[in-house]
PDB file of N, CA and C in Angstrom:
ATOM      1  N   MET A   1       3.435  19.169  20.006  1.00  0.00           N
ATOM      2  CA  MET A   1       4.309  18.604  18.988  1.00  0.00           C
ATOM      3  C   MET A   1       5.358  17.883  19.508  1.00  0.00           C
ATOM      4  N   ALA A   2       5.877  16.917  19.120  1.00  0.00           N
ATOM      5  CA  ALA A   2       6.920  15.920  19.210  1.00  0.00           C
ATOM      6  C   ALA A   2       8.156  15.856  18.709  1.00  0.00           C
ATOM      7  N   ASP A   3       9.166  15.644  19.022  1.00  0.00           N
ATOM      8  CA  ASP A   3      10.399  15.424  18.378  1.00  0.00           C
ATOM      9  C   ASP A   3      10.737  13.932  18.187  1.00  0.00           C
ATOM     10  N   VAL A   4      11.277  13.761  17.047  1.00  0.00           N
ATOM     11  CA  VAL A   4      11.607  12.459  16.827  1.00  0.00           C
ATOM     12  C   VAL A   4      13.062  12.390  16.419  1.00  0.00           C
ATOM     13  N   ASP A   5      14.085  11.536  16.691  1.00  0.00           N
ATOM     14  CA  ASP A   5      15.337  11.272  16.339  1.00  0.00           C
ATOM     15  C   ASP A   5      15.477  10.328  15.236  1.00  0.00           C
ATOM     16  N   LEU A   6      16.079  10.712  14.128  1.00  0.00           N
ATOM     17  CA  LEU A   6      15.857   9.431  13.029  1.00  0.00           C
ATOM     18  C   LEU A   6      17.533   9.525  12.550  1.00  0.00           C
ATOM     19  N   ASN A   7      17.759   8.403  12.075  1.00  0.00           N
ATOM     20  CA  ASN A   7      18.958   8.244  11.418  1.00  0.00           C
ATOM     21  C   ASN A   7      18.767   7.367   9.986  1.00  0.00           C
ATOM     22  N   ILE A   8      19.122   8.537   9.071  1.00  0.00           N
ATOM     23  CA  ILE A   8      18.997   8.178   7.525  1.00  0.00           C
ATOM     24  C   ILE A   8      20.236   8.407   7.160  1.00  0.00           C
ATOM     25  N   ALA A   9      20.714   7.388   6.279  1.00  0.00           N
ATOM     26  CA  ALA A   9      21.990   7.283   5.447  1.00  0.00           C
ATOM     27  C   ALA A   9      23.358   7.715   6.612  1.00  0.00           C
ATOM     28  N   GLY A  10      23.225   6.912   7.508  1.00  0.00           N
ATOM     29  CA  GLY A  10      24.307   7.272   8.502  1.00  0.00           C
ATOM     30  C   GLY A  10      24.370   8.607   9.250  1.00  0.00           C
ATOM     31  N   ARG A  11      23.196   9.632   9.266  1.00  0.00           N
ATOM     32  CA  ARG A  11      23.347  10.699   9.704  1.00  0.00           C
ATOM     33  C   ARG A  11      21.975  10.931  10.713  1.00  0.00           C
ATOM     34  N   SER A  12      22.357  11.583  11.850  1.00  0.00           N
ATOM     35  CA  SER A  12      21.168  11.847  12.640  1.00  0.00           C
ATOM     36  C   SER A  12      20.342  13.073  12.446  1.00  0.00           C
ATOM     37  N   TYR A  13      19.070  12.877  12.541  1.00  0.00           N
ATOM     38  CA  TYR A  13      18.146  13.984  12.411  1.00  0.00           C
ATOM     39  C   TYR A  13      17.166  14.231  13.483  1.00  0.00           C
ATOM     40  N   ARG A  14      16.985  15.392  13.915  1.00  0.00           N
ATOM     41  CA  ARG A  14      15.924  15.673  14.763  1.00  0.00           C
ATOM     42  C   ARG A  14      14.862  16.385  13.998  1.00  0.00           C
ATOM     43  N   ILE A  15      13.601  15.641  14.037  1.00  0.00           N
ATOM     44  CA  ILE A  15      12.469  16.266  13.190  1.00  0.00           C
ATOM     45  C   ILE A  15      11.260  16.328  14.029  1.00  0.00           C
ATOM     46  N   ALA A  16      10.495  17.468  13.973  1.00  0.00           N
ATOM     47  CA  ALA A  16       9.273  17.552  14.939  1.00  0.00           C
ATOM     48  C   ALA A  16       8.149  17.171  14.069  1.00  0.00           C
ATOM     49  N   CYS A  17       7.210  16.730  14.629  1.00  0.00           N
ATOM     50  CA  CYS A  17       5.795  16.149  14.059  1.00  0.00           C
ATOM     51  C   CYS A  17       4.694  16.307  15.106  1.00  0.00           C
ATOM     52  N   ARG A  18       3.538  16.244  14.659  1.00  0.00           N
ATOM     53  CA  ARG A  18       2.470  16.278  15.477  1.00  0.00           C
ATOM     54  C   ARG A  18       2.446  15.057  16.494  1.00  0.00           C
ATOM     55  N   ASP A  19       1.983  15.429  17.824  1.00  0.00           N
ATOM     56  CA  ASP A  19       1.811  14.252  18.551  1.00  0.00           C
ATOM     57  C   ASP A  19       0.734  13.079  17.647  1.00  0.00           C
ATOM     58  N   GLY A  20       1.179  11.914  17.951  1.00  0.00           N
ATOM     59  CA  GLY A  20       0.669  10.735  17.454  1.00  0.00           C
ATOM     60  C   GLY A  20       1.222  10.449  16.033  1.00  0.00           C
ATOM     61  N   GLU A  21       2.184  11.189  15.385  1.00  0.00           N
ATOM     62  CA  GLU A  21       2.746  10.875  14.082  1.00  0.00           C
ATOM     63  C   GLU A  21       3.957  10.116  14.123  1.00  0.00           C
ATOM     64  N   GLU A  22       4.485  10.113  15.358  1.00  0.00           N
ATOM     65  CA  GLU A  22       5.762   9.535  15.504  1.00  0.00           C
ATOM     66  C   GLU A  22       6.225   8.284  14.953  1.00  0.00           C
ATOM     67  N   ALA A  23       5.407   7.310  14.916  1.00  0.00           N
ATOM     68  CA  ALA A  23       5.538   5.919  14.353  1.00  0.00           C
ATOM     69  C   ALA A  23       5.455   6.049  12.958  1.00  0.00           C
ATOM     70  N   ASN A  24       4.725   6.746  12.421  1.00  0.00           N
ATOM     71  CA  ASN A  24       4.719   6.983  11.041  1.00  0.00           C
ATOM     72  C   ASN A  24       5.858   7.599  10.367  1.00  0.00           C
ATOM     73  N   LEU A  25       6.274   8.646  11.110  1.00  0.00           N
ATOM     74  CA  LEU A  25       7.591   9.359  10.762  1.00  0.00           C
ATOM     75  C   LEU A  25       8.882   8.298  10.858  1.00  0.00           C
ATOM     76  N   ARG A  26       8.807   7.476  11.781  1.00  0.00           N
ATOM     77  CA  ARG A  26       9.817   6.385  12.050  1.00  0.00           C
ATOM     78  C   ARG A  26       9.948   5.498  10.824  1.00  0.00           C
ATOM     79  N   THR A  27       8.840   5.091  10.494  1.00  0.00           N
ATOM     80  CA  THR A  27       8.585   4.238   9.478  1.00  0.00           C
ATOM     81  C   THR A  27       8.826   4.785   8.090  1.00  0.00           C
ATOM     82  N   ALA A  28       8.705   5.855   8.007  1.00  0.00           N
ATOM     83  CA  ALA A  28       8.936   6.640   6.632  1.00  0.00           C
ATOM     84  C   ALA A  28      10.489   6.922   6.734  1.00  0.00           C
ATOM     85  N   ALA A  29      11.187   7.191   7.766  1.00  0.00           N
ATOM     86  CA  ALA A  29      12.504   7.189   7.882  1.00  0.00           C
ATOM     87  C   ALA A  29      13.192   5.937   7.427  1.00  0.00           C
ATOM     88  N   ALA A  30      12.554   4.992   8.161  1.00  0.00           N
ATOM     89  CA  ALA A  30      13.254   3.505   7.870  1.00  0.00           C
ATOM     90  C   ALA A  30      13.203   3.420   6.249  1.00  0.00           C
ATOM     91  N   MET A  31      12.329   3.710   5.577  1.00  0.00           N
ATOM     92  CA  MET A  31      12.040   3.342   4.287  1.00  0.00           C
ATOM     93  C   MET A  31      13.108   4.101   3.600  1.00  0.00           C
ATOM     94  N   VAL A  32      13.309   5.533   3.737  1.00  0.00           N
ATOM     95  CA  VAL A  32      14.302   6.212   3.079  1.00  0.00           C
ATOM     96  C   VAL A  32      15.654   5.766   3.310  1.00  0.00           C
ATOM     97  N   ASP A  33      15.883   5.393   4.643  1.00  0.00           N
ATOM     98  CA  ASP A  33      17.246   4.904   4.758  1.00  0.00           C
ATOM     99  C   ASP A  33      17.474   3.454   3.890  1.00  0.00           C
ATOM    100  N   GLN A  34      16.474   2.678   4.121  1.00  0.00           N
ATOM    101  CA  GLN A  34      16.819   1.540   3.223  1.00  0.00           C
ATOM    102  C   GLN A  34      17.286   1.627   1.696  1.00  0.00           C
ATOM    103  N   LYS A  35      16.278   2.751   1.349  1.00  0.00           N
ATOM    104  CA  LYS A  35      16.731   3.101  -0.379  1.00  0.00           C
ATOM    105  C   LYS A  35      17.738   3.588  -0.347  1.00  0.00           C
ATOM    106  N   SER A  36      18.158   4.509   0.536  1.00  0.00           N
ATOM    107  CA  SER A  36      19.474   5.011   0.473  1.00  0.00           C
ATOM    108  C   SER A  36      20.685   4.341   0.563  1.00  0.00           C
ATOM    109  N   ARG A  37      20.470   3.050   1.492  1.00  0.00           N
ATOM    110  CA  ARG A  37      21.367   1.993   1.427  1.00  0.00           C
ATOM    111  C   ARG A  37      21.517   1.290   0.197  1.00  0.00           C
ATOM    112  N   GLU A  38      20.281   0.988  -0.415  1.00  0.00           N
ATOM    113  CA  GLU A  38      20.337   0.289  -1.719  1.00  0.00           C
ATOM    114  C   GLU A  38      21.003   1.065  -2.867  1.00  0.00           C
ATOM    115  N   ALA A  39      20.713   2.333  -2.801  1.00  0.00           N
ATOM    116  CA  ALA A  39      21.496   3.322  -3.944  1.00  0.00           C
ATOM    117  C   ALA A  39      23.240   3.251  -3.576  1.00  0.00           C
ATOM    118  N   LEU A  40      23.262   3.348  -2.473  1.00  0.00           N
ATOM    119  CA  LEU A  40      24.887   3.387  -2.216  1.00  0.00           C
ATOM    120  C   LEU A  40      25.374   1.927  -2.756  1.00  0.00           C
ATOM    121  N   ALA A  41      24.802   0.950  -2.405  1.00  0.00           N
ATOM    122  CA  ALA A  41      25.202  -0.478  -2.630  1.00  0.00           C
ATOM    123  C   ALA A  41      25.337  -0.708  -4.130  1.00  0.00           C
ATOM    124  N   GLY A  42      24.230  -0.131  -4.791  1.00  0.00           N
ATOM    125  CA  GLY A  42      24.169  -0.276  -6.314  1.00  0.00           C
ATOM    126  C   GLY A  42      24.999   0.865  -7.117  1.00  0.00           C
ATOM    127  N   LEU A  43      25.347   1.764  -6.612  1.00  0.00           N
ATOM    128  CA  LEU A  43      25.978   2.804  -7.359  1.00  0.00           C
ATOM    129  C   LEU A  43      27.475   3.264  -6.715  1.00  0.00           C
ATOM    130  N   GLY A  44      27.719   2.472  -5.620  1.00  0.00           N
ATOM    131  CA  GLY A  44      29.100   2.744  -5.113  1.00  0.00           C
ATOM    132  C   GLY A  44      29.132   4.318  -4.311  1.00  0.00           C
ATOM    133  N   THR A  45      30.225   4.861  -4.201  1.00  0.00           N
ATOM    134  CA  THR A  45      30.302   6.019  -3.332  1.00  0.00           C
ATOM    135  C   THR A  45      29.524   7.076  -4.038  1.00  0.00           C
ATOM    136  N   LEU A  46      28.707   7.696  -3.143  1.00  0.00           N
ATOM    137  CA  LEU A  46      27.850   8.932  -3.347  1.00  0.00           C
ATOM    138  C   LEU A  46      27.846  10.009  -2.257  1.00  0.00           C
ATOM    139  N   SER A  47      27.675  11.087  -2.874  1.00  0.00           N
ATOM    140  CA  SER A  47      27.752  12.335  -1.832  1.00  0.00           C
ATOM    141  C   SER A  47      26.324  11.819  -1.152  1.00  0.00           C
ATOM    142  N   GLU A  48      26.163  12.562   0.150  1.00  0.00           N
ATOM    143  CA  GLU A  48      24.833  12.484   1.020  1.00  0.00           C
ATOM    144  C   GLU A  48      23.854  12.974   0.199  1.00  0.00           C
ATOM    145  N   ALA A  49      23.935  14.187  -0.693  1.00  0.00           N
ATOM    146  CA  ALA A  49      22.642  14.473  -1.437  1.00  0.00           C
ATOM    147  C   ALA A  49      22.268  13.691  -2.540  1.00  0.00           C
ATOM    148  N   ARG A  50      23.442  13.103  -3.398  1.00  0.00           N
ATOM    149  CA  ARG A  50      22.824  12.125  -4.272  1.00  0.00           C
ATOM    150  C   ARG A  50      22.344  10.938  -3.762  1.00  0.00           C
ATOM    151  N   GLN A  51      22.738  10.521  -2.693  1.00  0.00           N
ATOM    152  CA  GLN A  51      22.490   9.204  -1.979  1.00  0.00           C
ATOM    153  C   GLN A  51      20.794   9.584  -1.749  1.00  0.00           C
ATOM    154  N   LEU A  52      20.610  10.717  -0.989  1.00  0.00           N
ATOM    155  CA  LEU A  52      19.236  10.813  -0.629  1.00  0.00           C
ATOM    156  C   LEU A  52      18.349  11.204  -1.962  1.00  0.00           C
ATOM    157  N   LEU A  53      19.155  11.693  -2.877  1.00  0.00           N
ATOM    158  CA  LEU A  53      18.295  11.875  -4.206  1.00  0.00           C
ATOM    159  C   LEU A  53      17.972  10.784  -4.987  1.00  0.00           C
ATOM    160  N   PHE A  54      18.765   9.723  -4.947  1.00  0.00           N
ATOM    161  CA  PHE A  54      18.596   8.464  -5.488  1.00  0.00           C
ATOM    162  C   PHE A  54      17.365   7.682  -4.726  1.00  0.00           C
ATOM    163  N   ALA A  55      17.579   7.515  -3.424  1.00  0.00           N
ATOM    164  CA  ALA A  55      16.702   6.983  -2.334  1.00  0.00           C
ATOM    165  C   ALA A  55      15.229   7.468  -2.782  1.00  0.00           C
ATOM    166  N   SER A  56      15.142   8.898  -2.979  1.00  0.00           N
ATOM    167  CA  SER A  56      13.929   9.356  -3.245  1.00  0.00           C
ATOM    168  C   SER A  56      13.317   9.021  -4.456  1.00  0.00           C
ATOM    169  N   LEU A  57      14.002   8.848  -5.468  1.00  0.00           N
ATOM    170  CA  LEU A  57      13.734   8.366  -6.920  1.00  0.00           C
ATOM    171  C   LEU A  57      13.116   6.902  -6.816  1.00  0.00           C
ATOM    172  N   LEU A  58      13.939   6.176  -6.058  1.00  0.00           N
ATOM    173  CA  LEU A  58      13.491   4.805  -6.010  1.00  0.00           C
ATOM    174  C   LEU A  58      12.262   4.716  -5.263  1.00  0.00           C
ATOM    175  N   LEU A  59      11.816   5.410  -4.203  1.00  0.00           N
ATOM    176  CA  LEU A  59      10.620   5.216  -3.571  1.00  0.00           C
ATOM    177  C   LEU A  59       9.615   5.979  -4.395  1.00  0.00           C
ATOM    178  N   ALA A  60       9.814   7.029  -5.359  1.00  0.00           N
ATOM    179  CA  ALA A  60       8.915   7.568  -6.295  1.00  0.00           C
ATOM    180  C   ALA A  60       8.670   6.677  -7.206  1.00  0.00           C
ATOM    181  N   ASP A  61       9.630   5.650  -7.673  1.00  0.00           N
ATOM    182  CA  ASP A  61       9.410   4.608  -8.789  1.00  0.00           C
ATOM    183  C   ASP A  61       8.410   3.702  -8.094  1.00  0.00           C
ATOM    184  N   GLN A  62       8.879   3.128  -6.810  1.00  0.00           N
ATOM    185  CA  GLN A  62       7.775   2.319  -6.334  1.00  0.00           C
ATOM    186  C   GLN A  62       6.580   2.873  -6.138  1.00  0.00           C
ATOM    187  N   LEU A  63       6.167   4.162  -5.815  1.00  0.00           N
ATOM    188  CA  LEU A  63       4.829   4.612  -5.745  1.00  0.00           C
ATOM    189  C   LEU A  63       4.196   4.667  -6.934  1.00  0.00           C
ATOM    190  N   ILE A  64       4.943   4.877  -7.929  1.00  0.00           N
ATOM    191  CA  ILE A  64       4.469   5.232  -9.508  1.00  0.00           C
ATOM    192  C   ILE A  64       3.850   3.589  -9.876  1.00  0.00           C
ATOM    193  N   ASP A  65       4.643   2.454  -9.633  1.00  0.00           N
ATOM    194  CA  ASP A  65       4.314   1.327  -9.989  1.00  0.00           C
ATOM    195  C   ASP A  65       3.045   0.792  -9.325  1.00  0.00           C
ATOM    196  N   LYS A  66       2.921   1.158  -7.937  1.00  0.00           N
ATOM    197  CA  LYS A  66       1.746   0.825  -7.015  1.00  0.00           C
ATOM    198  C   LYS A  66       0.486   1.435  -7.826  1.00  0.00           C
ATOM    199  N   LYS A  67       0.710   2.850  -8.062  1.00  0.00           N
ATOM    200  CA  LYS A  67      -0.557   3.688  -8.462  1.00  0.00           C
ATOM    201  C   LYS A  67      -0.800   2.949  -9.851  1.00  0.00           C
ATOM    202  N   SER A  68      -0.004   2.490 -10.805  1.00  0.00           N
ATOM    203  CA  SER A  68      -0.153   2.225 -11.910  1.00  0.00           C
ATOM    204  C   SER A  68      -0.865   0.876 -12.031  1.00  0.00           C
ATOM    205  N   ALA A  69      -0.604  -0.108 -11.212  1.00  0.00           N
ATOM    206  CA  ALA A  69      -1.202  -1.347 -11.111  1.00  0.00           C
ATOM    207  C   ALA A  69      -2.479  -1.412 -11.051  1.00  0.00           C
ATOM    208  N   GLN A  70      -3.302  -2.016 -11.833  1.00  0.00           N
ATOM    209  CA  GLN A  70      -4.901  -1.869 -11.905  1.00  0.00           C
ATOM    210  C   GLN A  70      -5.538  -2.854 -10.751  1.00  0.00           C
ATOM    211  N   PRO A  71      -6.092  -2.582  -9.784  1.00  0.00           N
ATOM    212  CA  PRO A  71      -6.832  -3.058  -8.979  1.00  0.00           C
ATOM    213  C   PRO A  71      -8.113  -3.828  -9.818  1.00  0.00           C
ATOM    214  N   PRO A  72      -8.515  -4.706  -9.242  1.00  0.00           N
ATOM    215  CA  PRO A  72      -9.601  -5.474  -9.811  1.00  0.00           C
ATOM    216  C   PRO A  72     -10.962  -4.436  -9.677  1.00  0.00           C
ATOM    217  N   SER A  73     -11.463  -4.176 -10.836  1.00  0.00           N
ATOM    218  CA  SER A  73     -12.748  -3.128 -10.766  1.00  0.00           C
ATOM    219  C   SER A  73     -13.670  -3.481  -9.750  1.00  0.00           C
ATOM    220  N   PRO A  74     -14.267  -2.532  -9.084  1.00  0.00           N
ATOM    221  CA  PRO A  74     -15.397  -2.851  -7.880  1.00  0.00           C
ATOM    222  C   PRO A  74     -16.509  -3.098  -8.671  1.00  0.00           C
ATOM    223  N   THR A  75     -16.906  -2.749  -9.965  1.00  0.00           N
ATOM    224  CA  THR A  75     -17.999  -3.204 -10.675  1.00  0.00           C
ATOM    225  C   THR A  75     -17.863  -4.675 -10.958  1.00  0.00           C
ATOM    226  N   ASP A  76     -16.659  -4.985 -11.672  1.00  0.00           N
ATOM    227  CA  ASP A  76     -16.656  -6.651 -11.741  1.00  0.00           C
ATOM    228  C   ASP A  76     -16.915  -7.533 -10.671  1.00  0.00           C
ATOM    229  N   GLU A  77     -16.521  -7.192  -9.528  1.00  0.00           N
ATOM    230  CA  GLU A  77     -16.719  -7.673  -8.256  1.00  0.00           C
ATOM    231  C   GLU A  77     -18.195  -7.519  -7.904  1.00  0.00           C
ATOM    232  N   LEU A  78     -18.662  -6.396  -7.941  1.00  0.00           N
ATOM    233  CA  LEU A  78     -20.207  -6.266  -7.597  1.00  0.00           C
ATOM    234  C   LEU A  78     -21.017  -7.066  -8.688  1.00  0.00           C
ATOM    235  N   ALA A  79     -20.889  -7.188 -10.004  1.00  0.00           N
ATOM    236  CA  ALA A  79     -21.376  -7.996 -10.962  1.00  0.00           C
ATOM    237  C   ALA A  79     -21.117  -9.470 -10.628  1.00  0.00           C
ATOM    238  N   ALA A  80     -20.168  -9.836 -10.268  1.00  0.00           N
ATOM    239  CA  ALA A  80     -20.240 -11.356  -9.839  1.00  0.00           C
ATOM    240  C   ALA A  80     -20.937 -11.722  -8.704  1.00  0.00           C
ATOM    241  N   ALA A  81     -21.037 -10.906  -7.674  1.00  0.00           N
ATOM    242  CA  ALA A  81     -21.603 -10.962  -6.518  1.00  0.00           C
ATOM    243  C   ALA A  81     -23.312 -10.948  -6.785  1.00  0.00           C
ATOM    244  N   ALA A  82     -23.612 -10.136  -7.493  1.00  0.00           N
ATOM    245  CA  ALA A  82     -25.027  -9.945  -7.961  1.00  0.00           C
ATOM    246  C   ALA A  82     -25.377 -11.331  -8.802  1.00  0.00           C
ATOM    247  N   ASN A  83     -24.543 -11.699  -9.694  1.00  0.00           N
ATOM    248  CA  ASN A  83     -24.977 -13.011 -10.517  1.00  0.00           C
ATOM    249  C   ASN A  83     -25.082 -14.278  -9.605  1.00  0.00           C
ATOM    250  N   ALA A  84     -24.033 -14.089  -8.494  1.00  0.00           N
ATOM    251  CA  ALA A  84     -24.094 -15.412  -7.627  1.00  0.00           C
ATOM    252  C   ALA A  84     -25.516 -15.409  -6.714  1.00  0.00           C
ATOM    253  N   LEU A  85     -25.755 -14.010  -6.272  1.00  0.00           N
ATOM    254  CA  LEU A  85     -26.917 -13.882  -5.621  1.00  0.00           C
ATOM    255  C   LEU A  85     -28.278 -14.154  -6.384  1.00  0.00           C
ATOM    256  N   ALA A  86     -28.240 -13.811  -7.592  1.00  0.00           N
ATOM    257  CA  ALA A  86     -29.226 -14.257  -8.491  1.00  0.00           C
ATOM    258  C   ALA A  86     -29.488 -15.609  -8.616  1.00  0.00           C
ATOM    259  N   SER A  87     -28.421 -16.331  -9.002  1.00  0.00           N
ATOM    260  CA  SER A  87     -28.540 -18.009  -9.013  1.00  0.00           C
ATOM    261  C   SER A  87     -29.007 -18.454  -7.899  1.00  0.00           C
ATOM    262  N   ARG A  88     -28.546 -18.081  -6.769  1.00  0.00           N
ATOM    263  CA  ARG A  88     -29.139 -18.711  -5.455  1.00  0.00           C
ATOM    264  C   ARG A  88     -30.809 -18.215  -5.346  1.00  0.00           C
ATOM    265  N   LEU A  89     -30.945 -16.962  -5.608  1.00  0.00           N
ATOM    266  CA  LEU A  89     -32.518 -16.751  -5.442  1.00  0.00           C
ATOM    267  C   LEU A  89     -33.377 -17.755  -6.537  1.00  0.00           C
ATOM    268  N   GLU A  90     -32.536 -17.886  -7.700  1.00  0.00           N
ATOM    269  CA  GLU A  90     -33.494 -18.697  -8.606  1.00  0.00           C
ATOM    270  C   GLU A  90     -33.532 -20.110  -8.108  1.00  0.00           C
ATOM    271  N   ARG A  91     -32.484 -20.660  -7.413  1.00  0.00           N
ATOM    272  CA  ARG A  91     -32.448 -22.044  -6.780  1.00  0.00           C
ATOM    273  C   ARG A  91     -33.714 -22.019  -5.820  1.00  0.00           C
ATOM    274  N   LEU A  92     -33.626 -21.040  -4.831  1.00  0.00           N
ATOM    275  CA  LEU A  92     -34.635 -20.987  -3.701  1.00  0.00           C
ATOM    276  C   LEU A  92     -36.010 -20.981  -4.301  1.00  0.00           C
ATOM    277  N   ALA A  93     -36.269 -20.159  -5.235  1.00  0.00           N
ATOM    278  CA  ALA A  93     -37.573 -20.048  -5.916  1.00  0.00           C
ATOM    279  C   ALA A  93     -37.906 -21.348  -6.372  1.00  0.00           C
ATOM    280  N   GLU A  94     -37.042 -22.050  -7.143  1.00  0.00           N
ATOM    281  CA  GLU A  94     -37.435 -23.485  -7.645  1.00  0.00           C
ATOM    282  C   GLU A  94     -37.801 -24.361  -6.424  1.00  0.00           C
ATOM    283  N   THR A  95     -37.038 -24.263  -5.567  1.00  0.00           N
ATOM    284  CA  THR A  95     -37.210 -25.283  -4.492  1.00  0.00           C
ATOM    285  C   THR A  95     -38.722 -25.022  -3.520  1.00  0.00           C
ATOM    286  N   LEU A  96     -38.947 -23.533  -3.493  1.00  0.00           N
ATOM    287  CA  LEU A  96     -40.162 -23.164  -3.029  1.00  0.00           C
ATOM    288  C   LEU A  96     -41.341 -23.658  -3.949  1.00  0.00           C
ATOM    289  N   GLU A  97     -41.171 -23.403  -5.252  1.00  0.00           N
ATOM    290  CA  GLU A  97     -42.366 -23.882  -6.080  1.00  0.00           C
ATOM    291  C   GLU A  97     -42.540 -25.329  -5.973  1.00  0.00           C
ATOM    292  N   ARG A  98     -41.349 -26.332  -6.124  1.00  0.00           N
ATOM    293  CA  ARG A  98     -41.496 -27.801  -6.072  1.00  0.00           C
ATOM    294  C   ARG A  98     -42.174 -27.977  -4.433  1.00  0.00           C
ATOM    295  N   ASP A  99     -41.908 -27.339  -3.506  1.00  0.00           N
ATOM    296  CA  ASP A  99     -42.683 -27.501  -2.104  1.00  0.00           C
ATOM    297  C   ASP A  99     -43.879 -27.208  -2.257  1.00  0.00           C
ATOM    298  N   ALA A 100     -44.351 -26.296  -2.911  1.00  0.00           N
ATOM    299  CA  ALA A 100     -45.684 -25.648  -3.024  1.00  0.00           C
ATOM    300  C   ALA A 100     -46.561 -26.708  -3.995  1.00  0.00           C
ATOM    301  N   SER A 101     -46.002 -27.296  -4.996  1.00  0.00           N
ATOM    302  CA  SER A 101     -46.675 -28.164  -6.006  1.00  0.00           C
ATOM    303  C   SER A 101     -47.009 -29.454  -5.492  1.00  0.00           C
ATOM    304  N   SER A 102     -45.962 -29.936  -4.483  1.00  0.00           N
ATOM    305  CA  SER A 102     -46.406 -31.199  -3.958  1.00  0.00           C
ATOM    306  C   SER A 102     -47.113 -31.327  -2.517  1.00  0.00           C
ATOM    307  N   SER A 103     -47.473 -30.017  -2.079  1.00  0.00           N
ATOM    308  CA  SER A 103     -48.215 -30.184  -0.877  1.00  0.00           C
ATOM    309  C   SER A 103     -49.717 -30.027  -1.266  1.00  0.00           C
TER     310      SER A 103
END
């Protein structure tokens, strides 16, 4: 286990994590700290608990937005690739037929 010192919303925390997870924990803490500062800037004076509450709500809102964004359908991409491949094979077959008939 590793101990990581973090600073979130102006307070220091020492958090234990598994070895190798330190960088992810620091990144997560930086995200929470950034959102807590955004909450403080947007809403003015907040208690520590409310500041962290709003930070977590802002992060959750971001996550919801990312999850609800529809990525391109893999089947659409596969269908387009299959169509392109079929067209290429048809052109190749036509070329082979022309070469065979001219020989």
